[in-house]
C-alpha atoms as a PDB file:
ATOM      1  CA  MET A   1     161.647 196.386 221.650  1.00  0.00           C
ATOM      2  CA  VAL A   2     159.444 199.498 221.639  1.00  0.00           C
ATOM      3  CA  VAL A   3     161.859 201.192 219.234  1.00  0.00           C
ATOM      4  CA  ARG A   4     161.700 198.221 216.865  1.00  0.00           C
ATOM      5  CA  ARG A   5     157.886 198.286 216.876  1.00  0.00           C
ATOM      6  CA  THR A   6     157.856 202.018 216.242  1.00  0.00           C
ATOM      7  CA  GLU A   7     160.114 201.655 213.209  1.00  0.00           C
ATOM      8  CA  MET A   8     157.812 198.965 211.716  1.00  0.00           C
ATOM      9  CA  ILE A   9     154.760 201.219 212.162  1.00  0.00           C
ATOM     10  CA  ILE A  10     156.601 204.096 210.459  1.00  0.00           C
ATOM     11  CA  ALA A  11     157.572 201.871 207.536  1.00  0.00           C
ATOM     12  CA  PHE A  12     153.988 200.611 207.209  1.00  0.00           C
ATOM     13  CA  LEU A  13     152.622 204.155 207.120  1.00  0.00           C
ATOM     14  CA  ILE A  14     155.101 205.119 204.434  1.00  0.00           C
ATOM     15  CA  LEU A  15     153.975 202.169 202.274  1.00  0.00           C
ATOM     16  CA  LEU A  16     150.345 203.157 202.711  1.00  0.00           C
ATOM     17  CA  SER A  17     151.051 206.763 201.792  1.00  0.00           C
ATOM     18  CA  PRO A  18     149.007 207.867 198.720  1.00  0.00           C
ATOM     19  CA  VAL A  19     152.117 209.781 197.634  1.00  0.00           C
ATOM     20  CA  THR A  20     154.070 206.555 196.958  1.00  0.00           C
ATOM     21  CA  ALA A  21     151.095 204.405 195.798  1.00  0.00           C
ATOM     22  CA  LEU A  22     149.753 204.386 192.226  1.00  0.00           C
ATOM     23  CA  PRO A  23     146.190 205.603 191.616  1.00  0.00           C
ATOM     24  CA  VAL A  24     143.776 202.647 191.432  1.00  0.00           C
ATOM     25  CA  ALA A  25     140.815 202.275 189.122  1.00  0.00           C
ATOM     26  CA  GLN A  26     138.922 199.013 189.539  1.00  0.00           C
ATOM     27  CA  VAL A  27     135.493 197.666 188.705  1.00  0.00           C
ATOM     28  CA  ILE A  28     133.846 196.810 191.975  1.00  0.00           C
ATOM     29  CA  GLY A  29     130.290 196.130 190.872  1.00  0.00           C
ATOM     30  CA  LEU A  30     127.434 196.839 188.487  1.00  0.00           C
ATOM     31  CA  LYS A  31     125.962 200.257 188.746  1.00  0.00           C
ATOM     32  CA  ASN A  32     122.925 199.955 186.412  1.00  0.00           C
ATOM     33  CA  VAL A  33     121.189 196.978 184.766  1.00  0.00           C
ATOM     34  CA  SER A  34     118.497 197.676 182.141  1.00  0.00           C
ATOM     35  CA  ALA A  35     116.546 195.384 179.791  1.00  0.00           C
ATOM     36  CA  ARG A  36     115.314 196.475 176.336  1.00  0.00           C
ATOM     37  CA  VAL A  37     112.726 194.391 174.474  1.00  0.00           C
ATOM     38  CA  ILE A  38     112.628 194.554 170.662  1.00  0.00           C
ATOM     39  CA  ALA A  39     109.442 193.207 169.048  1.00  0.00           C
ATOM     40  CA  SER A  40     108.394 192.850 165.405  1.00  0.00           C
ATOM     41  CA  GLU A  41     105.040 191.772 164.002  1.00  0.00           C
ATOM     42  CA  SER A  42     104.193 190.544 160.480  1.00  0.00           C
ATOM     43  CA  THR A  43     100.808 189.682 158.969  1.00  0.00           C
ATOM     44  CA  LEU A  44     100.359 187.311 155.994  1.00  0.00           C
ATOM     45  CA  ALA A  45      97.062 187.375 154.118  1.00  0.00           C
ATOM     46  CA  TYR A  46      96.047 185.048 151.273  1.00  0.00           C
ATOM     47  CA  THR A  47      92.926 184.121 149.356  1.00  0.00           C
ATOM     48  CA  ASN A  48      91.782 180.580 148.605  1.00  0.00           C
ATOM     49  CA  THR A  49      89.645 180.049 145.488  1.00  0.00           C
ATOM     50  CA  LEU A  50      87.399 177.005 145.167  1.00  0.00           C
ATOM     51  CA  MET A  51      85.475 176.183 141.998  1.00  0.00           C
ATOM     52  CA  HIS A  52      82.675 173.631 141.924  1.00  0.00           C
ATOM     53  CA  THR A  53      81.173 172.331 138.693  1.00  0.00           C
ATOM     54  CA  TYR A  54      77.777 170.663 138.847  1.00  0.00           C
ATOM     55  CA  TYR A  55      76.796 168.068 136.259  1.00  0.00           C
ATOM     56  CA  GLY A  56      73.588 166.613 134.965  1.00  0.00           C
ATOM     57  CA  ALA A  57      73.209 163.207 133.364  1.00  0.00           C
ATOM     58  CA  SER A  58      70.896 161.458 130.933  1.00  0.00           C
ATOM     59  CA  ASN A  59      70.663 157.957 129.537  1.00  0.00           C
ATOM     60  CA  GLY A  60      70.604 157.340 125.812  1.00  0.00           C
ATOM     61  CA  THR A  61      72.273 155.586 122.946  1.00  0.00           C
ATOM     62  CA  THR A  62      75.321 156.458 120.892  1.00  0.00           C
ATOM     63  CA  LEU A  63      76.517 155.232 117.536  1.00  0.00           C
ATOM     64  CA  ALA A  64      80.003 153.856 117.132  1.00  0.00           C
ATOM     65  CA  GLN A  65      81.677 152.286 114.140  1.00  0.00           C
ATOM     66  CA  THR A  66      83.304 148.915 113.827  1.00  0.00           C
ATOM     67  CA  ALA A  67      85.131 147.308 110.925  1.00  0.00           C
ATOM     68  CA  VAL A  68      83.183 145.152 108.493  1.00  0.00           C
ATOM     69  CA  SER A  69      84.586 141.766 107.686  1.00  0.00           C
ATOM     70  CA  PHE A  70      84.916 141.972 103.921  1.00  0.00           C
ATOM     71  CA  PRO A  71      87.720 139.519 103.066  1.00  0.00           C
ATOM     72  CA  GLU A  72      89.873 140.021 100.029  1.00  0.00           C
ATOM     73  CA  ARG A  73      88.893 137.702  97.164  1.00  0.00           C
ATOM     74  CA  VAL A  74      89.473 136.989  93.466  1.00  0.00           C
ATOM     75  CA  ILE A  75      86.543 136.356  91.124  1.00  0.00           C
ATOM     76  CA  GLY A  76      86.334 135.834  87.367  1.00  0.00           C
ATOM     77  CA  PHE A  77      84.288 134.540  84.470  1.00  0.00           C
ATOM     78  CA  MET A  78      84.625 133.088  80.978  1.00  0.00           C
ATOM     79  CA  ALA A  79      82.706 134.881  78.233  1.00  0.00           C
ATOM     80  CA  PRO A  80      81.565 133.234  75.004  1.00  0.00           C
ATOM     81  CA  LYS A  81      83.017 134.718  71.868  1.00  0.00           C
ATOM     82  CA  GLY A  82      81.277 137.971  71.039  1.00  0.00           C
ATOM     83  CA  LEU A  83      79.267 137.958  74.304  1.00  0.00           C
ATOM     84  CA  CYS A  84      79.778 139.159  77.895  1.00  0.00           C
ATOM     85  CA  GLY A  85      80.312 136.902  80.829  1.00  0.00           C
ATOM     86  CA  PHE A  86      78.409 137.254  84.125  1.00  0.00           C
ATOM     87  CA  PHE A  87      79.233 136.982  87.867  1.00  0.00           C
ATOM     88  CA  SER A  88      76.963 137.794  90.868  1.00  0.00           C
ATOM     89  CA  LEU A  89      78.273 138.152  94.458  1.00  0.00           C
ATOM     90  CA  PRO A  90      75.777 138.426  97.403  1.00  0.00           C
ATOM     91  CA  VAL A  91      76.836 140.888 100.149  1.00  0.00           C
ATOM     92  CA  PRO A  92      74.828 140.957 103.429  1.00  0.00           C
ATOM     93  CA  VAL A  93      74.899 144.349 105.187  1.00  0.00           C
ATOM     94  CA  LYS A  94      73.339 146.204 108.118  1.00  0.00           C
ATOM     95  CA  SER A  95      71.660 149.565 107.736  1.00  0.00           C
ATOM     96  CA  GLY A  96      74.231 152.371 107.742  1.00  0.00           C
ATOM     97  CA  THR A  97      77.125 150.117 106.700  1.00  0.00           C
ATOM     98  CA  LEU A  98      79.694 151.940 104.585  1.00  0.00           C
ATOM     99  CA  LEU A  99      81.328 149.684 102.000  1.00  0.00           C
ATOM    100  CA  THR A 100      84.669 150.825 100.642  1.00  0.00           C
ATOM    101  CA  VAL A 101      85.878 148.202  98.179  1.00  0.00           C
ATOM    102  CA  GLU A 102      88.612 148.515  95.562  1.00  0.00           C
ATOM    103  CA  MET A 103      88.004 146.535  92.343  1.00  0.00           C
ATOM    104  CA  THR A 104      90.867 145.767  89.960  1.00  0.00           C
ATOM    105  CA  ALA A 105      90.350 143.802  86.685  1.00  0.00           C
ATOM    106  CA  ASN A 106      92.795 142.577  84.067  1.00  0.00           C
ATOM    107  CA  ASN A 107      90.321 143.515  81.304  1.00  0.00           C
ATOM    108  CA  PRO A 108      87.657 146.271  81.138  1.00  0.00           C
ATOM    109  CA  VAL A 109      84.481 145.117  82.911  1.00  0.00           C
ATOM    110  CA  ASN A 110      81.166 146.581  84.114  1.00  0.00           C
ATOM    111  CA  PHE A 111      79.918 146.741  87.717  1.00  0.00           C
ATOM    112  CA  TYR A 112      76.303 146.916  88.946  1.00  0.00           C
ATOM    113  CA  LEU A 113      74.940 147.095  92.460  1.00  0.00           C
ATOM    114  CA  LEU A 114      71.503 145.443  92.730  1.00  0.00           C
ATOM    115  CA  SER A 115      69.002 144.954  95.547  1.00  0.00           C
ATOM    116  CA  ASP A 116      67.623 141.731  94.006  1.00  0.00           C
ATOM    117  CA  TYR A 117      69.279 138.537  92.885  1.00  0.00           C
ATOM    118  CA  LEU A 118      70.038 138.226  89.183  1.00  0.00           C
ATOM    119  CA  ALA A 119      69.664 134.573  88.195  1.00  0.00           C
ATOM    120  CA  ASN A 120      71.852 134.607  85.108  1.00  0.00           C
ATOM    121  CA  GLY A 121      73.125 136.839  82.406  1.00  0.00           C
ATOM    122  CA  SER A 122      71.673 137.082  78.939  1.00  0.00           C
ATOM    123  CA  GLY A 123      75.019 137.435  77.249  1.00  0.00           C
ATOM    124  CA  SER A 124      74.561 141.205  77.191  1.00  0.00           C
ATOM    125  CA  CYS A 125      77.014 143.519  78.966  1.00  0.00           C
ATOM    126  CA  LYS A 126      74.105 145.429  80.548  1.00  0.00           C
ATOM    127  CA  VAL A 127      71.705 144.128  83.196  1.00  0.00           C
ATOM    128  CA  SER A 128      67.971 144.192  82.726  1.00  0.00           C
ATOM    129  CA  LYS A 129      67.143 145.500  86.205  1.00  0.00           C
ATOM    130  CA  ASN A 130      67.490 149.077  87.376  1.00  0.00           C
ATOM    131  CA  PRO A 131      70.785 149.119  89.367  1.00  0.00           C
ATOM    132  CA  ILE A 132      71.414 151.125  92.550  1.00  0.00           C
ATOM    133  CA  MET A 133      74.872 152.016  91.213  1.00  0.00           C
ATOM    134  CA  ALA A 134      76.749 151.277  88.011  1.00  0.00           C
ATOM    135  CA  GLU A 135      80.345 151.710  86.737  1.00  0.00           C
ATOM    136  CA  ASN A 136      81.072 150.769  83.130  1.00  0.00           C
ATOM    137  CA  ASN A 137      84.179 149.695  81.270  1.00  0.00           C
ATOM    138  CA  PHE A 138      86.764 149.998  84.069  1.00  0.00           C
ATOM    139  CA  THR A 139      89.903 148.182  85.119  1.00  0.00           C
ATOM    140  CA  ASP A 140      90.353 150.012  88.454  1.00  0.00           C
ATOM    141  CA  PHE A 141      87.438 151.323  90.504  1.00  0.00           C
ATOM    142  CA  THR A 142      86.783 151.962  94.234  1.00  0.00           C
ATOM    143  CA  LEU A 143      83.245 151.608  95.525  1.00  0.00           C
ATOM    144  CA  HIS A 144      81.947 153.933  98.285  1.00  0.00           C
ATOM    145  CA  TRP A 145      78.382 153.052  99.228  1.00  0.00           C
ATOM    146  CA  THR A 146      76.245 153.252 102.396  1.00  0.00           C
ATOM    147  CA  ALA A 147      73.529 150.637 102.845  1.00  0.00           C
ATOM    148  CA  PRO A 148      70.078 152.243 103.321  1.00  0.00           C
ATOM    149  CA  GLU A 149      68.655 149.223 105.184  1.00  0.00           C
ATOM    150  CA  ASP A 150      69.408 145.751 106.474  1.00  0.00           C
ATOM    151  CA  GLY A 151      69.483 143.086 103.816  1.00  0.00           C
ATOM    152  CA  ILE A 152      71.422 141.307 101.086  1.00  0.00           C
ATOM    153  CA  PHE A 153      72.669 143.282  98.124  1.00  0.00           C
ATOM    154  CA  TYR A 154      74.471 141.978  95.034  1.00  0.00           C
ATOM    155  CA  PHE A 155      77.655 142.904  93.229  1.00  0.00           C
ATOM    156  CA  VAL A 156      77.171 142.020  89.576  1.00  0.00           C
ATOM    157  CA  PHE A 157      80.054 142.026  87.045  1.00  0.00           C
ATOM    158  CA  THR A 158      79.745 141.663  83.272  1.00  0.00           C
ATOM    159  CA  GLY A 159      82.251 141.773  80.448  1.00  0.00           C
ATOM    160  CA  PRO A 160      84.585 139.686  78.371  1.00  0.00           C
ATOM    161  CA  THR A 161      86.713 137.018  80.004  1.00  0.00           C
ATOM    162  CA  ALA A 162      88.300 138.682  83.064  1.00  0.00           C
ATOM    163  CA  VAL A 163      89.830 138.179  86.489  1.00  0.00           C
ATOM    164  CA  ILE A 164      88.820 140.700  89.202  1.00  0.00           C
ATOM    165  CA  LEU A 165      90.448 141.359  92.582  1.00  0.00           C
ATOM    166  CA  LEU A 166      88.196 142.713  95.367  1.00  0.00           C
ATOM    167  CA  ALA A 167      89.961 144.302  98.361  1.00  0.00           C
ATOM    168  CA  ASP A 168      88.459 146.041 101.375  1.00  0.00           C
ATOM    169  CA  HIS A 169      89.645 149.628 102.013  1.00  0.00           C
ATOM    170  CA  GLY A 170      88.143 150.418 105.426  1.00  0.00           C
ATOM    171  CA  SER A 171      84.518 149.321 105.322  1.00  0.00           C
ATOM    172  CA  VAL A 172      82.696 150.031 108.595  1.00  0.00           C
ATOM    173  CA  ARG A 173      79.278 149.543 110.134  1.00  0.00           C
ATOM    174  CA  PRO A 174      77.535 151.500 112.876  1.00  0.00           C
ATOM    175  CA  VAL A 175      77.043 149.975 116.306  1.00  0.00           C
ATOM    176  CA  GLU A 176      74.388 151.325 118.623  1.00  0.00           C
ATOM    177  CA  GLU A 177      75.458 151.422 122.256  1.00  0.00           C
ATOM    178  CA  SER A 178      73.642 152.498 125.400  1.00  0.00           C
ATOM    179  CA  ALA A 179      75.438 155.206 127.311  1.00  0.00           C
ATOM    180  CA  THR A 180      75.069 157.665 130.163  1.00  0.00           C
ATOM    181  CA  ILE A 181      75.814 161.173 128.960  1.00  0.00           C
ATOM    182  CA  THR A 182      76.971 163.762 131.484  1.00  0.00           C
ATOM    183  CA  TYR A 183      77.050 167.498 130.880  1.00  0.00           C
ATOM    184  CA  PRO A 184      77.882 170.549 133.026  1.00  0.00           C
ATOM    185  CA  THR A 185      74.903 172.477 134.349  1.00  0.00           C
ATOM    186  CA  SER A 186      76.481 175.247 136.453  1.00  0.00           C
ATOM    187  CA  ILE A 187      79.764 176.437 137.927  1.00  0.00           C
ATOM    188  CA  GLU A 188      80.151 177.952 141.407  1.00  0.00           C
ATOM    189  CA  THR A 189      83.188 179.935 142.572  1.00  0.00           C
ATOM    190  CA  MET A 190      83.936 180.382 146.287  1.00  0.00           C
ATOM    191  CA  LEU A 191      86.520 182.817 147.663  1.00  0.00           C
ATOM    192  CA  SER A 192      87.920 182.493 151.184  1.00  0.00           C
ATOM    193  CA  THR A 193      90.377 185.016 152.666  1.00  0.00           C
ATOM    194  CA  TYR A 194      92.750 183.990 155.451  1.00  0.00           C
ATOM    195  CA  SER A 195      95.389 185.864 157.430  1.00  0.00           C
ATOM    196  CA  THR A 196      98.043 184.902 159.964  1.00  0.00           C
ATOM    197  CA  THR A 197      99.997 187.190 162.292  1.00  0.00           C
ATOM    198  CA  SER A 198     103.478 186.318 163.553  1.00  0.00           C
ATOM    199  CA  THR A 199     105.132 188.182 166.457  1.00  0.00           C
ATOM    200  CA  MET A 200     108.846 187.936 167.244  1.00  0.00           C
ATOM    201  CA  SER A 201     110.592 189.569 170.226  1.00  0.00           C
ATOM    202  CA  SER A 202     114.116 189.706 171.649  1.00  0.00           C
ATOM    203  CA  THR A 203     115.497 191.068 174.931  1.00  0.00           C
ATOM    204  CA  VAL A 204     118.794 192.980 175.153  1.00  0.00           C
ATOM    205  CA  THR A 205     120.306 193.512 178.638  1.00  0.00           C
ATOM    206  CA  VAL A 206     122.506 196.611 179.016  1.00  0.00           C
ATOM    207  CA  THR A 207     124.811 196.995 182.055  1.00  0.00           C
ATOM    208  CA  THR A 208     126.930 199.976 183.172  1.00  0.00           C
ATOM    209  CA  PRO A 209     130.075 199.064 185.227  1.00  0.00           C
ATOM    210  CA  LEU A 210     130.863 200.992 188.439  1.00  0.00           C
ATOM    211  CA  TYR A 211     134.456 202.254 188.690  1.00  0.00           C
ATOM    212  CA  LEU A 212     136.440 203.336 191.780  1.00  0.00           C
ATOM    213  CA  LYS A 213     137.918 206.681 190.741  1.00  0.00           C
ATOM    214  CA  ALA A 214     141.491 207.479 191.548  1.00  0.00           C
ATOM    215  CA  THR A 215     142.054 210.149 194.239  1.00  0.00           C
ATOM    216  CA  SER A 216     142.927 213.523 192.819  1.00  0.00           C
ATOM    217  CA  GLU A 217     146.538 214.810 193.021  1.00  0.00           C
ATOM    218  CA  HIS A 218     145.587 217.608 195.467  1.00  0.00           C
ATOM    219  CA  GLY A 219     143.938 215.137 197.855  1.00  0.00           C
ATOM    220  CA  LEU A 220     146.967 212.836 197.679  1.00  0.00           C
ATOM    221  CA  LEU A 221     149.262 215.695 198.777  1.00  0.00           C
ATOM    222  CA  ILE A 222     147.102 216.468 201.802  1.00  0.00           C
ATOM    223  CA  ILE A 223     146.901 212.805 202.853  1.00  0.00           C
ATOM    224  CA  GLY A 224     150.628 212.420 202.216  1.00  0.00           C
ATOM    225  CA  ALA A 225     151.438 215.427 204.411  1.00  0.00           C
ATOM    226  CA  ILE A 226     149.320 214.016 207.281  1.00  0.00           C
ATOM    227  CA  VAL A 227     150.964 210.589 207.057  1.00  0.00           C
ATOM    228  CA  ALA A 228     154.446 212.179 206.878  1.00  0.00           C
ATOM    229  CA  SER A 229     153.686 214.289 209.979  1.00  0.00           C
ATOM    230  CA  LEU A 230     152.583 211.189 211.872  1.00  0.00           C
ATOM    231  CA  ALA A 231     155.721 209.363 210.795  1.00  0.00           C
ATOM    232  CA  LEU A 232     157.937 212.301 211.918  1.00  0.00           C
ATOM    233  CA  LEU A 233     156.147 212.494 215.251  1.00  0.00           C
ATOM    234  CA  LEU A 234     156.584 208.772 215.876  1.00  0.00           C
ATOM    235  CA  THR A 235     160.273 209.049 214.946  1.00  0.00           C
ATOM    236  CA  VAL A 236     160.857 211.882 217.422  1.00  0.00           C
ATOM    237  CA  ILE A 237     159.109 209.957 220.196  1.00  0.00           C
ATOM    238  CA  ALA A 238     161.143 206.859 219.438  1.00  0.00           C
ATOM    239  CA  PHE A 239     164.389 208.833 219.478  1.00  0.00           C
ATOM    240  CA  ALA A 240     163.492 210.524 222.760  1.00  0.00           C
ATOM    241  CA  ARG A 241     162.829 207.149 224.452  1.00  0.00           C
ATOM    242  CA  ARG A 242     166.112 205.765 223.174  1.00  0.00           C
ATOM    243  CA  THR A 243     168.188 208.654 224.716  1.00  0.00           C
ATOM    244  CA  HIS A 244     166.682 208.163 228.189  1.00  0.00           C
END
């Protein structure tokens, strides 16, 4: 029984011998742990511009224009032989009214603009009163006239037997309107400068592994020799006990 135990111990020592075992290199822990912080900072600056305009105001009146109702119409007259016929048309207007009237006749006629009523014609082609405007011997004529005051004025036509077409071509009259007029008085400019700073950081952890270094070849030989000597000694003792 003792011999059997001795042989098992010898075999176990041989297996543990560094001569027969392979060198081992194994990570058994963390040697160093270090943290590194990386930070970056950025600054953004900008300028805000504000403009203020200040206004003044005043009350007054303005003049606008509106169309005049001058309907299209056809007039005419019969003239005695050797004489001129006569036709008078009253036209009420406001001061500042611009009359634009196209006159088209089938025979040459005369036109007079009067401020007073002409009762009748004398058979002559000319009027006795001093006209404001006159156009003689026409078949196509466009009147452009601005009334100097409120009132009734008269279109007077004379000539041989004729038919005349009157057509409005954009007559207008002024209209006075009350209004509030605004106007800029001053302008103010304001500058404001702003800035923002942003900081970003990150942490990097660095570790260094710890290794178990393999025993050098010289050390293995020494350990191997010691183990072999122990194994030889145990063998001799076992053999000596067996022979007794």
